[in-house]
Amino acid sequence: MQIKKNDTVLVTTGKEKGKRGRVIAVYPQENRVLIEKLNMIKRHTKPTQQLRQGGIVEKEAPISAANVKLICSKCDKPTTISRKAQGDGTRVRVCNTCEATLE
C-alpha cells in the first residue's frame, strides 16, 4: 500500500467527499484505511469488565484505500505517489506533482 499510518489524506468519494484526515490504521489485506474522525458509525455495546457502562458508542469505520488520495506535506495538494530508488538501495515515496520525498 502507498498510504501509511499518520499520513494526511483527502477522501475522494462517498459521504465524506472532500474532507481531510489523518490515517490512524492501515489494513493492507482488506485494502482499507481508518481515518481519524471520519466515517463515524454507531455501535450498540453491552457492559463489560473494561467498559462498565454499555450504550451507543461512536467510532470510526475503515474506508477503501481506493477512495482516498495522499496529501503532499510540501505542496499541500492531493497527489499520486511513485517510488524511487536511492543510492543505498532503499526505495522512498515521491510526490508526483512537486517531486518531494514523503516520509
PDB file of N, CA and C in Angstrom:
ATOM      1  N   MET A   1       0.833  -1.196   0.000  1.00  0.00           N
ATOM      2  CA  MET A   1       0.000   0.000   0.000  1.00  0.00           C
ATOM      3  C   MET A   1       0.868   1.247   0.000  1.00  0.00           C
ATOM      4  N   GLN A   2       0.374   2.280  -0.636  1.00  0.00           N
ATOM      5  CA  GLN A   2       1.131   3.519  -0.706  1.00  0.00           C
ATOM      6  C   GLN A   2       0.833   4.445   0.467  1.00  0.00           C
ATOM      7  N   ILE A   3      -0.249   4.186   1.179  1.00  0.00           N
ATOM      8  CA  ILE A   3      -0.631   5.036   2.305  1.00  0.00           C
ATOM      9  C   ILE A   3      -0.158   4.375   3.589  1.00  0.00           C
ATOM     10  N   LYS A   4       0.409   5.190   4.472  1.00  0.00           N
ATOM     11  CA  LYS A   4       0.927   4.684   5.741  1.00  0.00           C
ATOM     12  C   LYS A   4       0.246   5.392   6.903  1.00  0.00           C
ATOM     13  N   LYS A   5       0.462   4.869   8.095  1.00  0.00           N
ATOM     14  CA  LYS A   5      -0.080   5.465   9.306  1.00  0.00           C
ATOM     15  C   LYS A   5       0.478   6.880   9.471  1.00  0.00           C
ATOM     16  N   ASN A   6      -0.361   7.804   9.969  1.00  0.00           N
ATOM     17  CA  ASN A   6      -0.050   9.220  10.214  1.00  0.00           C
ATOM     18  C   ASN A   6       0.065  10.059   8.947  1.00  0.00           C
ATOM     19  N   ASP A   7      -0.280   9.512   7.776  1.00  0.00           N
ATOM     20  CA  ASP A   7      -0.353  10.319   6.553  1.00  0.00           C
ATOM     21  C   ASP A   7      -1.634  11.150   6.588  1.00  0.00           C
ATOM     22  N   THR A   8      -1.613  12.295   5.934  1.00  0.00           N
ATOM     23  CA  THR A   8      -2.815  13.091   5.768  1.00  0.00           C
ATOM     24  C   THR A   8      -3.397  12.760   4.402  1.00  0.00           C
ATOM     25  N   VAL A   9      -4.706  12.443   4.375  1.00  0.00           N
ATOM     26  CA  VAL A   9      -5.344  12.032   3.132  1.00  0.00           C
ATOM     27  C   VAL A   9      -6.602  12.861   2.882  1.00  0.00           C
ATOM     28  N   LEU A  10      -7.038  12.851   1.621  1.00  0.00           N
ATOM     29  CA  LEU A  10      -8.263  13.509   1.200  1.00  0.00           C
ATOM     30  C   LEU A  10      -9.210  12.434   0.696  1.00  0.00           C
ATOM     31  N   VAL A  11     -10.443  12.432   1.185  1.00  0.00           N
ATOM     32  CA  VAL A  11     -11.440  11.459   0.737  1.00  0.00           C
ATOM     33  C   VAL A  11     -12.012  11.951  -0.586  1.00  0.00           C
ATOM     34  N   THR A  12     -12.004  11.080  -1.608  1.00  0.00           N
ATOM     35  CA  THR A  12     -12.419  11.499  -2.950  1.00  0.00           C
ATOM     36  C   THR A  12     -13.838  11.092  -3.310  1.00  0.00           C
ATOM     37  N   THR A  13     -14.423  10.087  -2.624  1.00  0.00           N
ATOM     38  CA  THR A  13     -15.780   9.656  -2.935  1.00  0.00           C
ATOM     39  C   THR A  13     -16.542   9.344  -1.658  1.00  0.00           C
ATOM     40  N   GLY A  14     -17.851   9.230  -1.794  1.00  0.00           N
ATOM     41  CA  GLY A  14     -18.685   8.837  -0.662  1.00  0.00           C
ATOM     42  C   GLY A  14     -19.237  10.023   0.097  1.00  0.00           C
ATOM     43  N   LYS A  15     -19.837   9.745   1.256  1.00  0.00           N
ATOM     44  CA  LYS A  15     -20.488  10.799   2.037  1.00  0.00           C
ATOM     45  C   LYS A  15     -19.492  11.750   2.677  1.00  0.00           C
ATOM     46  N   GLU A  16     -18.235  11.345   2.806  1.00  0.00           N
ATOM     47  CA  GLU A  16     -17.197  12.191   3.401  1.00  0.00           C
ATOM     48  C   GLU A  16     -16.350  12.880   2.332  1.00  0.00           C
ATOM     49  N   LYS A  17     -16.839  12.969   1.109  1.00  0.00           N
ATOM     50  CA  LYS A  17     -16.069  13.514  -0.012  1.00  0.00           C
ATOM     51  C   LYS A  17     -15.575  14.929   0.282  1.00  0.00           C
ATOM     52  N   GLY A  18     -14.292  15.166  -0.010  1.00  0.00           N
ATOM     53  CA  GLY A  18     -13.707  16.482   0.158  1.00  0.00           C
ATOM     54  C   GLY A  18     -13.124  16.740   1.533  1.00  0.00           C
ATOM     55  N   LYS A  19     -13.253  15.809   2.459  1.00  0.00           N
ATOM     56  CA  LYS A  19     -12.743  16.010   3.811  1.00  0.00           C
ATOM     57  C   LYS A  19     -11.341  15.434   3.948  1.00  0.00           C
ATOM     58  N   ARG A  20     -10.552  16.085   4.806  1.00  0.00           N
ATOM     59  CA  ARG A  20      -9.182  15.644   5.069  1.00  0.00           C
ATOM     60  C   ARG A  20      -9.109  15.021   6.449  1.00  0.00           C
ATOM     61  N   GLY A  21      -8.174  14.115   6.606  1.00  0.00           N
ATOM     62  CA  GLY A  21      -7.984  13.493   7.911  1.00  0.00           C
ATOM     63  C   GLY A  21      -6.661  12.760   7.990  1.00  0.00           C
ATOM     64  N   ARG A  22      -6.291  12.388   9.229  1.00  0.00           N
ATOM     65  CA  ARG A  22      -5.048  11.668   9.480  1.00  0.00           C
ATOM     66  C   ARG A  22      -5.350  10.174   9.557  1.00  0.00           C
ATOM     67  N   VAL A  23      -4.502   9.364   8.958  1.00  0.00           N
ATOM     68  CA  VAL A  23      -4.696   7.919   8.955  1.00  0.00           C
ATOM     69  C   VAL A  23      -4.289   7.361  10.314  1.00  0.00           C
ATOM     70  N   ILE A  24      -5.209   6.637  10.951  1.00  0.00           N
ATOM     71  CA  ILE A  24      -4.955   6.024  12.256  1.00  0.00           C
ATOM     72  C   ILE A  24      -4.381   4.624  12.083  1.00  0.00           C
ATOM     73  N   ALA A  25      -4.960   3.851  11.163  1.00  0.00           N
ATOM     74  CA  ALA A  25      -4.528   2.469  10.945  1.00  0.00           C
ATOM     75  C   ALA A  25      -4.692   2.108   9.473  1.00  0.00           C
ATOM     76  N   VAL A  26      -3.877   1.146   9.034  1.00  0.00           N
ATOM     77  CA  VAL A  26      -3.917   0.669   7.657  1.00  0.00           C
ATOM     78  C   VAL A  26      -4.127  -0.840   7.694  1.00  0.00           C
ATOM     79  N   TYR A  27      -5.054  -1.319   6.869  1.00  0.00           N
ATOM     80  CA  TYR A  27      -5.337  -2.750   6.764  1.00  0.00           C
ATOM     81  C   TYR A  27      -5.030  -3.202   5.343  1.00  0.00           C
ATOM     82  N   PRO A  28      -3.784  -3.618   5.052  1.00  0.00           N
ATOM     83  CA  PRO A  28      -3.406  -3.943   3.673  1.00  0.00           C
ATOM     84  C   PRO A  28      -4.125  -5.166   3.090  1.00  0.00           C
ATOM     85  N   GLN A  29      -4.462  -6.160   3.920  1.00  0.00           N
ATOM     86  CA  GLN A  29      -5.149  -7.340   3.398  1.00  0.00           C
ATOM     87  C   GLN A  29      -6.529  -6.986   2.860  1.00  0.00           C
ATOM     88  N   GLU A  30      -7.230  -6.080   3.546  1.00  0.00           N
ATOM     89  CA  GLU A  30      -8.557  -5.659   3.098  1.00  0.00           C
ATOM     90  C   GLU A  30      -8.506  -4.443   2.180  1.00  0.00           C
ATOM     91  N   ASN A  31      -7.323  -3.839   1.996  1.00  0.00           N
ATOM     92  CA  ASN A  31      -7.129  -2.626   1.198  1.00  0.00           C
ATOM     93  C   ASN A  31      -7.988  -1.475   1.736  1.00  0.00           C
ATOM     94  N   ARG A  32      -7.937  -1.278   3.065  1.00  0.00           N
ATOM     95  CA  ARG A  32      -8.746  -0.254   3.721  1.00  0.00           C
ATOM     96  C   ARG A  32      -7.880   0.557   4.682  1.00  0.00           C
ATOM     97  N   VAL A  33      -8.326   1.789   4.952  1.00  0.00           N
ATOM     98  CA  VAL A  33      -7.637   2.660   5.907  1.00  0.00           C
ATOM     99  C   VAL A  33      -8.652   3.222   6.898  1.00  0.00           C
ATOM    100  N   LEU A  34      -8.181   3.495   8.100  1.00  0.00           N
ATOM    101  CA  LEU A  34      -9.012   4.075   9.151  1.00  0.00           C
ATOM    102  C   LEU A  34      -8.567   5.517   9.331  1.00  0.00           C
ATOM    103  N   ILE A  35      -9.490   6.459   9.150  1.00  0.00           N
ATOM    104  CA  ILE A  35      -9.164   7.882   9.193  1.00  0.00           C
ATOM    105  C   ILE A  35      -9.787   8.510  10.428  1.00  0.00           C
ATOM    106  N   GLU A  36      -9.008   9.359  11.094  1.00  0.00           N
ATOM    107  CA  GLU A  36      -9.427   9.980  12.347  1.00  0.00           C
ATOM    108  C   GLU A  36     -10.648  10.882  12.153  1.00  0.00           C
ATOM    109  N   LYS A  37     -11.697  10.619  12.928  1.00  0.00           N
ATOM    110  CA  LYS A  37     -12.934  11.404  12.977  1.00  0.00           C
ATOM    111  C   LYS A  37     -13.677  11.496  11.644  1.00  0.00           C
ATOM    112  N   LEU A  38     -13.513  10.499  10.775  1.00  0.00           N
ATOM    113  CA  LEU A  38     -14.261  10.423   9.521  1.00  0.00           C
ATOM    114  C   LEU A  38     -14.924   9.057   9.432  1.00  0.00           C
ATOM    115  N   ASN A  39     -16.058   8.994   8.749  1.00  0.00           N
ATOM    116  CA  ASN A  39     -16.838   7.770   8.573  1.00  0.00           C
ATOM    117  C   ASN A  39     -17.238   7.184   9.928  1.00  0.00           C
ATOM    118  N   MET A  40     -17.821   8.030  10.771  1.00  0.00           N
ATOM    119  CA  MET A  40     -18.230   7.621  12.111  1.00  0.00           C
ATOM    120  C   MET A  40     -19.477   6.737  12.034  1.00  0.00           C
ATOM    121  N   ILE A  41     -19.458   5.639  12.807  1.00  0.00           N
ATOM    122  CA  ILE A  41     -20.599   4.741  12.912  1.00  0.00           C
ATOM    123  C   ILE A  41     -20.976   4.600  14.374  1.00  0.00           C
ATOM    124  N   LYS A  42     -22.184   4.101  14.627  1.00  0.00           N
ATOM    125  CA  LYS A  42     -22.647   3.896  15.998  1.00  0.00           C
ATOM    126  C   LYS A  42     -22.771   2.404  16.259  1.00  0.00           C
ATOM    127  N   ARG A  43     -22.232   1.960  17.388  1.00  0.00           N
ATOM    128  CA  ARG A  43     -22.298   0.563  17.788  1.00  0.00           C
ATOM    129  C   ARG A  43     -23.020   0.462  19.123  1.00  0.00           C
ATOM    130  N   HIS A  44     -23.947  -0.452  19.221  1.00  0.00           N
ATOM    131  CA  HIS A  44     -24.636  -0.702  20.478  1.00  0.00           C
ATOM    132  C   HIS A  44     -23.837  -1.756  21.235  1.00  0.00           C
ATOM    133  N   THR A  45     -23.345  -1.412  22.429  1.00  0.00           N
ATOM    134  CA  THR A  45     -22.470  -2.312  23.174  1.00  0.00           C
ATOM    135  C   THR A  45     -23.066  -2.666  24.523  1.00  0.00           C
ATOM    136  N   LYS A  46     -22.762  -3.877  24.964  1.00  0.00           N
ATOM    137  CA  LYS A  46     -23.166  -4.330  26.284  1.00  0.00           C
ATOM    138  C   LYS A  46     -22.102  -3.916  27.294  1.00  0.00           C
ATOM    139  N   PRO A  47     -22.469  -3.783  28.558  1.00  0.00           N
ATOM    140  CA  PRO A  47     -21.453  -3.508  29.576  1.00  0.00           C
ATOM    141  C   PRO A  47     -20.503  -4.707  29.716  1.00  0.00           C
ATOM    142  N   THR A  48     -19.201  -4.426  29.866  1.00  0.00           N
ATOM    143  CA  THR A  48     -18.196  -5.464  30.063  1.00  0.00           C
ATOM    144  C   THR A  48     -17.312  -5.075  31.246  1.00  0.00           C
ATOM    145  N   GLN A  49     -16.297  -5.877  31.528  1.00  0.00           N
ATOM    146  CA  GLN A  49     -15.366  -5.560  32.615  1.00  0.00           C
ATOM    147  C   GLN A  49     -14.594  -4.261  32.306  1.00  0.00           C
ATOM    148  N   GLN A  50     -14.169  -4.097  31.049  1.00  0.00           N
ATOM    149  CA  GLN A  50     -13.417  -2.900  30.678  1.00  0.00           C
ATOM    150  C   GLN A  50     -14.331  -1.687  30.512  1.00  0.00           C
ATOM    151  N   LEU A  51     -15.486  -1.886  29.902  1.00  0.00           N
ATOM    152  CA  LEU A  51     -16.431  -0.801  29.645  1.00  0.00           C
ATOM    153  C   LEU A  51     -17.631  -1.018  30.567  1.00  0.00           C
ATOM    154  N   ARG A  52     -17.602  -0.376  31.720  1.00  0.00           N
ATOM    155  CA  ARG A  52     -18.627  -0.606  32.742  1.00  0.00           C
ATOM    156  C   ARG A  52     -20.020  -0.214  32.269  1.00  0.00           C
ATOM    157  N   GLN A  53     -20.082   0.865  31.492  1.00  0.00           N
ATOM    158  CA  GLN A  53     -21.385   1.328  31.034  1.00  0.00           C
ATOM    159  C   GLN A  53     -21.569   0.980  29.572  1.00  0.00           C
ATOM    160  N   GLY A  54     -22.641   0.290  29.263  1.00  0.00           N
ATOM    161  CA  GLY A  54     -22.952  -0.022  27.879  1.00  0.00           C
ATOM    162  C   GLY A  54     -23.641   1.168  27.237  1.00  0.00           C
ATOM    163  N   GLY A  55     -24.114   0.986  26.042  1.00  0.00           N
ATOM    164  CA  GLY A  55     -24.827   2.049  25.359  1.00  0.00           C
ATOM    165  C   GLY A  55     -24.375   2.174  23.926  1.00  0.00           C
ATOM    166  N   ILE A  56     -24.618   3.322  23.355  1.00  0.00           N
ATOM    167  CA  ILE A  56     -24.269   3.570  21.968  1.00  0.00           C
ATOM    168  C   ILE A  56     -22.901   4.252  21.925  1.00  0.00           C
ATOM    169  N   VAL A  57     -21.960   3.611  21.238  1.00  0.00           N
ATOM    170  CA  VAL A  57     -20.592   4.114  21.129  1.00  0.00           C
ATOM    171  C   VAL A  57     -20.336   4.513  19.684  1.00  0.00           C
ATOM    172  N   GLU A  58     -19.797   5.714  19.482  1.00  0.00           N
ATOM    173  CA  GLU A  58     -19.427   6.165  18.139  1.00  0.00           C
ATOM    174  C   GLU A  58     -17.959   5.884  17.909  1.00  0.00           C
ATOM    175  N   LYS A  59     -17.643   5.293  16.732  1.00  0.00           N
ATOM    176  CA  LYS A  59     -16.252   5.037  16.395  1.00  0.00           C
ATOM    177  C   LYS A  59     -16.080   5.113  14.885  1.00  0.00           C
ATOM    178  N   GLU A  60     -14.821   5.165  14.455  1.00  0.00           N
ATOM    179  CA  GLU A  60     -14.522   5.267  13.036  1.00  0.00           C
ATOM    180  C   GLU A  60     -14.633   3.900  12.372  1.00  0.00           C
ATOM    181  N   ALA A  61     -15.050   3.895  11.120  1.00  0.00           N
ATOM    182  CA  ALA A  61     -15.091   2.678  10.321  1.00  0.00           C
ATOM    183  C   ALA A  61     -14.080   2.825   9.180  1.00  0.00           C
ATOM    184  N   PRO A  62     -13.483   1.721   8.740  1.00  0.00           N
ATOM    185  CA  PRO A  62     -12.493   1.806   7.657  1.00  0.00           C
ATOM    186  C   PRO A  62     -13.118   2.227   6.332  1.00  0.00           C
ATOM    187  N   ILE A  63     -12.304   2.905   5.523  1.00  0.00           N
ATOM    188  CA  ILE A  63     -12.688   3.348   4.177  1.00  0.00           C
ATOM    189  C   ILE A  63     -11.758   2.649   3.189  1.00  0.00           C
ATOM    190  N   SER A  64     -12.251   2.345   2.013  1.00  0.00           N
ATOM    191  CA  SER A  64     -11.416   1.724   0.991  1.00  0.00           C
ATOM    192  C   SER A  64     -10.259   2.653   0.630  1.00  0.00           C
ATOM    193  N   ALA A  65      -9.080   2.085   0.487  1.00  0.00           N
ATOM    194  CA  ALA A  65      -7.891   2.885   0.164  1.00  0.00           C
ATOM    195  C   ALA A  65      -7.985   3.481  -1.239  1.00  0.00           C
ATOM    196  N   ALA A  66      -8.826   2.916  -2.095  1.00  0.00           N
ATOM    197  CA  ALA A  66      -9.006   3.458  -3.441  1.00  0.00           C
ATOM    198  C   ALA A  66      -9.785   4.767  -3.419  1.00  0.00           C
ATOM    199  N   ASN A  67     -10.484   5.045  -2.317  1.00  0.00           N
ATOM    200  CA  ASN A  67     -11.302   6.248  -2.222  1.00  0.00           C
ATOM    201  C   ASN A  67     -10.593   7.414  -1.538  1.00  0.00           C
ATOM    202  N   VAL A  68      -9.306   7.296  -1.276  1.00  0.00           N
ATOM    203  CA  VAL A  68      -8.557   8.384  -0.652  1.00  0.00           C
ATOM    204  C   VAL A  68      -7.309   8.684  -1.473  1.00  0.00           C
ATOM    205  N   LYS A  69      -6.860   9.938  -1.391  1.00  0.00           N
ATOM    206  CA  LYS A  69      -5.624  10.358  -2.039  1.00  0.00           C
ATOM    207  C   LYS A  69      -4.727  10.973  -0.990  1.00  0.00           C
ATOM    208  N   LEU A  70      -3.452  10.689  -1.083  1.00  0.00           N
ATOM    209  CA  LEU A  70      -2.476  11.230  -0.152  1.00  0.00           C
ATOM    210  C   LEU A  70      -2.271  12.714  -0.424  1.00  0.00           C
ATOM    211  N   ILE A  71      -2.122  13.495   0.643  1.00  0.00           N
ATOM    212  CA  ILE A  71      -1.844  14.927   0.503  1.00  0.00           C
ATOM    213  C   ILE A  71      -0.365  15.139   0.783  1.00  0.00           C
ATOM    214  N   CYS A  72       0.313  15.757  -0.166  1.00  0.00           N
ATOM    215  CA  CYS A  72       1.742  16.033  -0.033  1.00  0.00           C
ATOM    216  C   CYS A  72       1.949  17.084   1.053  1.00  0.00           C
ATOM    217  N   SER A  73       2.902  16.846   1.945  1.00  0.00           N
ATOM    218  CA  SER A  73       3.153  17.789   3.037  1.00  0.00           C
ATOM    219  C   SER A  73       3.841  19.060   2.539  1.00  0.00           C
ATOM    220  N   LYS A  74       4.522  18.991   1.412  1.00  0.00           N
ATOM    221  CA  LYS A  74       5.233  20.165   0.899  1.00  0.00           C
ATOM    222  C   LYS A  74       4.333  21.071   0.067  1.00  0.00           C
ATOM    223  N   CYS A  75       3.632  20.498  -0.942  1.00  0.00           N
ATOM    224  CA  CYS A  75       2.796  21.332  -1.817  1.00  0.00           C
ATOM    225  C   CYS A  75       1.351  21.412  -1.354  1.00  0.00           C
ATOM    226  N   ASP A  76       0.959  20.630  -0.360  1.00  0.00           N
ATOM    227  CA  ASP A  76      -0.379  20.641   0.239  1.00  0.00           C
ATOM    228  C   ASP A  76      -1.483  20.380  -0.789  1.00  0.00           C
ATOM    229  N   LYS A  77      -1.213  19.472  -1.742  1.00  0.00           N
ATOM    230  CA  LYS A  77      -2.195  19.102  -2.755  1.00  0.00           C
ATOM    231  C   LYS A  77      -2.374  17.585  -2.757  1.00  0.00           C
ATOM    232  N   PRO A  78      -3.572  17.100  -3.124  1.00  0.00           N
ATOM    233  CA  PRO A  78      -3.739  15.653  -3.271  1.00  0.00           C
ATOM    234  C   PRO A  78      -2.903  15.153  -4.445  1.00  0.00           C
ATOM    235  N   THR A  79      -2.236  14.048  -4.256  1.00  0.00           N
ATOM    236  CA  THR A  79      -1.308  13.581  -5.276  1.00  0.00           C
ATOM    237  C   THR A  79      -1.267  12.063  -5.326  1.00  0.00           C
ATOM    238  N   THR A  80      -0.759  11.556  -6.444  1.00  0.00           N
ATOM    239  CA  THR A  80      -0.435  10.143  -6.527  1.00  0.00           C
ATOM    240  C   THR A  80       1.033   9.998  -6.155  1.00  0.00           C
ATOM    241  N   ILE A  81       1.430   8.769  -5.884  1.00  0.00           N
ATOM    242  CA  ILE A  81       2.769   8.533  -5.369  1.00  0.00           C
ATOM    243  C   ILE A  81       3.523   7.621  -6.311  1.00  0.00           C
ATOM    244  N   SER A  82       4.805   7.893  -6.461  1.00  0.00           N
ATOM    245  CA  SER A  82       5.677   6.957  -7.155  1.00  0.00           C
ATOM    246  C   SER A  82       6.803   6.591  -6.201  1.00  0.00           C
ATOM    247  N   ARG A  83       7.502   5.545  -6.528  1.00  0.00           N
ATOM    248  CA  ARG A  83       8.618   5.097  -5.683  1.00  0.00           C
ATOM    249  C   ARG A  83       9.906   5.245  -6.476  1.00  0.00           C
ATOM    250  N   LYS A  84      10.936   5.793  -5.817  1.00  0.00           N
ATOM    251  CA  LYS A  84      12.232   5.949  -6.461  1.00  0.00           C
ATOM    252  C   LYS A  84      13.293   5.314  -5.578  1.00  0.00           C
ATOM    253  N   ALA A  85      14.252   4.683  -6.235  1.00  0.00           N
ATOM    254  CA  ALA A  85      15.342   4.041  -5.506  1.00  0.00           C
ATOM    255  C   ALA A  85      16.412   5.077  -5.176  1.00  0.00           C
ATOM    256  N   GLN A  86      16.932   4.975  -3.965  1.00  0.00           N
ATOM    257  CA  GLN A  86      18.041   5.839  -3.566  1.00  0.00           C
ATOM    258  C   GLN A  86      19.348   5.109  -3.822  1.00  0.00           C
ATOM    259  N   GLY A  87      20.447   5.790  -3.571  1.00  0.00           N
ATOM    260  CA  GLY A  87      21.759   5.211  -3.828  1.00  0.00           C
ATOM    261  C   GLY A  87      22.069   3.990  -2.982  1.00  0.00           C
ATOM    262  N   ASP A  88      21.540   3.940  -1.767  1.00  0.00           N
ATOM    263  CA  ASP A  88      21.840   2.814  -0.878  1.00  0.00           C
ATOM    264  C   ASP A  88      20.900   1.625  -1.090  1.00  0.00           C
ATOM    265  N   GLY A  89      20.054   1.665  -2.094  1.00  0.00           N
ATOM    266  CA  GLY A  89      19.180   0.541  -2.410  1.00  0.00           C
ATOM    267  C   GLY A  89      17.792   0.632  -1.809  1.00  0.00           C
ATOM    268  N   THR A  90      17.526   1.605  -0.927  1.00  0.00           N
ATOM    269  CA  THR A  90      16.190   1.747  -0.357  1.00  0.00           C
ATOM    270  C   THR A  90      15.305   2.515  -1.318  1.00  0.00           C
ATOM    271  N   ARG A  91      14.001   2.293  -1.189  1.00  0.00           N
ATOM    272  CA  ARG A  91      13.042   2.995  -2.034  1.00  0.00           C
ATOM    273  C   ARG A  91      12.249   3.969  -1.176  1.00  0.00           C
ATOM    274  N   VAL A  92      12.023   5.171  -1.690  1.00  0.00           N
ATOM    275  CA  VAL A  92      11.270   6.197  -0.967  1.00  0.00           C
ATOM    276  C   VAL A  92      10.048   6.591  -1.782  1.00  0.00           C
ATOM    277  N   ARG A  93       9.017   7.087  -1.075  1.00  0.00           N
ATOM    278  CA  ARG A  93       7.814   7.579  -1.741  1.00  0.00           C
ATOM    279  C   ARG A  93       8.071   9.007  -2.215  1.00  0.00           C
ATOM    280  N   VAL A  94       7.640   9.301  -3.434  1.00  0.00           N
ATOM    281  CA  VAL A  94       7.871  10.615  -4.034  1.00  0.00           C
ATOM    282  C   VAL A  94       6.552  11.166  -4.547  1.00  0.00           C
ATOM    283  N   CYS A  95       6.289  12.444  -4.267  1.00  0.00           N
ATOM    284  CA  CYS A  95       5.104  13.140  -4.772  1.00  0.00           C
ATOM    285  C   CYS A  95       5.259  13.339  -6.276  1.00  0.00           C
ATOM    286  N   ASN A  96       4.206  13.036  -7.039  1.00  0.00           N
ATOM    287  CA  ASN A  96       4.294  13.181  -8.495  1.00  0.00           C
ATOM    288  C   ASN A  96       4.133  14.622  -8.962  1.00  0.00           C
ATOM    289  N   THR A  97       3.591  15.513  -8.120  1.00  0.00           N
ATOM    290  CA  THR A  97       3.412  16.897  -8.559  1.00  0.00           C
ATOM    291  C   THR A  97       4.636  17.759  -8.282  1.00  0.00           C
ATOM    292  N   CYS A  98       5.224  17.626  -7.079  1.00  0.00           N
ATOM    293  CA  CYS A  98       6.345  18.510  -6.738  1.00  0.00           C
ATOM    294  C   CYS A  98       7.670  17.774  -6.558  1.00  0.00           C
ATOM    295  N   GLU A  99       7.680  16.457  -6.757  1.00  0.00           N
ATOM    296  CA  GLU A  99       8.892  15.631  -6.665  1.00  0.00           C
ATOM    297  C   GLU A  99       9.534  15.634  -5.276  1.00  0.00           C
ATOM    298  N   ALA A 100       8.754  15.941  -4.236  1.00  0.00           N
ATOM    299  CA  ALA A 100       9.279  15.921  -2.857  1.00  0.00           C
ATOM    300  C   ALA A 100       9.184  14.506  -2.304  1.00  0.00           C
ATOM    301  N   THR A 101      10.154  14.142  -1.475  1.00  0.00           N
ATOM    302  CA  THR A 101      10.097  12.828  -0.847  1.00  0.00           C
ATOM    303  C   THR A 101       9.149  12.870   0.345  1.00  0.00           C
ATOM    304  N   LEU A 102       8.369  11.827   0.498  1.00  0.00           N
ATOM    305  CA  LEU A 102       7.385  11.742   1.583  1.00  0.00           C
ATOM    306  C   LEU A 102       7.872  10.743   2.616  1.00  0.00           C
ATOM    307  N   GLU A 103       7.761  11.122   3.873  1.00  0.00           N
ATOM    308  CA  GLU A 103       8.211  10.228   4.948  1.00  0.00           C
ATOM    309  C   GLU A 103       7.045   9.722   5.740  1.00  0.00           C
TER     310      GLU A 103
END
